[in-house]
Amino acid sequence: MKKSEAIHWALEKLAFPVLSTKQELKECYHQLASVSHPDKGGDTQKMSEINEAYEILKSYMEDFKFTFSDEEIAKQFPQELHVNKFRF
């Protein structure tokens, strides 16, 4: 499986939004794990898939190359760009 396909599979498996933080990923994983863990009556296969999806997304987030260009910063904080555009 290609990396991009793996990331899309992981997002779908965890029902995780595209724009998220590392902390939100961790919280999502813990919530799913608490429900799906075999010790709590969950399915072993499902827990295995949740673990795999979490590792894929966690690895992607840790290895992501950041750019600190003005364009990227504007994408991360669009409200600031909007305020500056329409300031009188």
Protein backbone atom coordinates (compact mmCIF):
# COMPACT_ATOMS: atom_id res chain seq x y z
CA MET A 1 0.00 0.00 0.00
CA LYS A 2 1.33 3.46 -0.91
CA LYS A 3 1.88 5.94 1.91
CA SER A 4 -0.91 8.20 0.67
CA GLU A 5 -3.31 5.24 0.50
CA ALA A 6 -2.27 4.17 4.00
CA ILE A 7 -2.95 7.64 5.37
CA HIS A 8 -6.40 7.76 3.77
CA TRP A 9 -7.15 4.26 5.08
CA ALA A 10 -6.06 5.30 8.59
CA LEU A 11 -8.17 8.47 8.50
CA GLU A 12 -11.18 6.42 7.48
CA LYS A 13 -10.52 3.66 10.03
CA LEU A 14 -10.37 6.16 12.90
CA ALA A 15 -13.10 8.42 11.43
CA PHE A 16 -10.56 11.20 11.96
CA PRO A 17 -10.94 14.68 10.44
CA VAL A 18 -8.41 15.83 7.85
CA LEU A 19 -7.42 19.00 9.74
CA SER A 20 -6.41 17.97 13.25
CA THR A 21 -3.71 18.25 15.86
CA LYS A 22 -1.49 15.56 17.30
CA GLN A 23 -3.31 15.91 20.62
CA GLU A 24 -6.67 15.34 18.92
CA LEU A 25 -5.26 12.19 17.29
CA LYS A 26 -4.12 10.90 20.67
CA GLU A 27 -7.52 11.63 22.24
CA CYS A 28 -9.35 9.93 19.35
CA TYR A 29 -7.13 6.86 19.65
CA HIS A 30 -7.63 6.59 23.42
CA GLN A 31 -11.39 6.91 23.05
CA LEU A 32 -11.55 4.19 20.38
CA ALA A 33 -9.11 1.96 22.26
CA SER A 34 -11.14 2.21 25.47
CA VAL A 35 -14.21 0.92 23.62
CA SER A 36 -12.55 -1.62 21.30
CA HIS A 37 -9.90 -3.15 23.55
CA PRO A 38 -10.25 -6.94 23.89
CA ASP A 39 -9.99 -6.67 27.69
CA LYS A 40 -13.17 -4.58 27.57
CA GLY A 41 -15.01 -7.02 25.34
CA GLY A 42 -13.86 -5.55 22.05
CA ASP A 43 -12.70 -7.35 18.94
CA THR A 44 -9.00 -8.21 18.64
CA GLN A 45 -8.96 -7.61 14.87
CA LYS A 46 -10.62 -4.20 15.21
CA MET A 47 -8.17 -3.19 17.93
CA SER A 48 -5.28 -4.28 15.73
CA GLU A 49 -6.59 -2.09 12.89
CA ILE A 50 -7.05 0.87 15.24
CA ASN A 51 -3.46 0.46 16.46
CA GLU A 52 -2.14 0.27 12.90
CA ALA A 53 -4.14 3.34 11.81
CA TYR A 54 -2.93 5.30 14.83
CA GLU A 55 0.70 4.42 14.14
CA ILE A 56 0.38 5.45 10.48
CA LEU A 57 -1.08 8.85 11.34
CA LYS A 58 1.24 9.43 14.30
CA SER A 59 4.26 8.64 12.13
CA TYR A 60 3.00 10.96 9.39
CA MET A 61 2.54 13.80 11.87
CA GLU A 62 5.98 13.27 13.40
CA ASP A 63 7.75 13.10 10.02
CA PHE A 64 5.81 15.93 8.39
CA LYS A 65 8.00 18.66 6.96
CA PHE A 66 6.83 22.07 8.02
CA THR A 67 7.17 25.22 6.01
CA PHE A 68 7.05 28.59 7.67
CA SER A 69 6.30 30.57 4.54
CA ASP A 70 3.86 33.45 4.72
CA GLU A 71 1.40 31.45 2.61
CA GLU A 72 1.45 28.46 4.97
CA ILE A 73 1.11 30.64 8.05
CA ALA A 74 -1.87 32.38 6.42
CA LYS A 75 -3.47 28.96 5.81
CA GLN A 76 -3.04 28.05 9.47
CA PHE A 77 -4.43 31.37 10.74
CA PRO A 78 -6.88 32.58 8.06
CA GLN A 79 -8.74 34.87 10.46
CA GLU A 80 -5.63 37.03 10.93
CA LEU A 81 -5.18 37.40 7.18
CA HIS A 82 -8.85 38.31 6.83
CA VAL A 83 -8.63 41.00 9.53
CA ASN A 84 -5.51 42.51 7.96
CA LYS A 85 -7.07 42.61 4.49
CA PHE A 86 -10.07 44.59 5.60
CA ARG A 87 -8.46 46.86 8.19
CA PHE A 88 -9.10 50.56 7.54
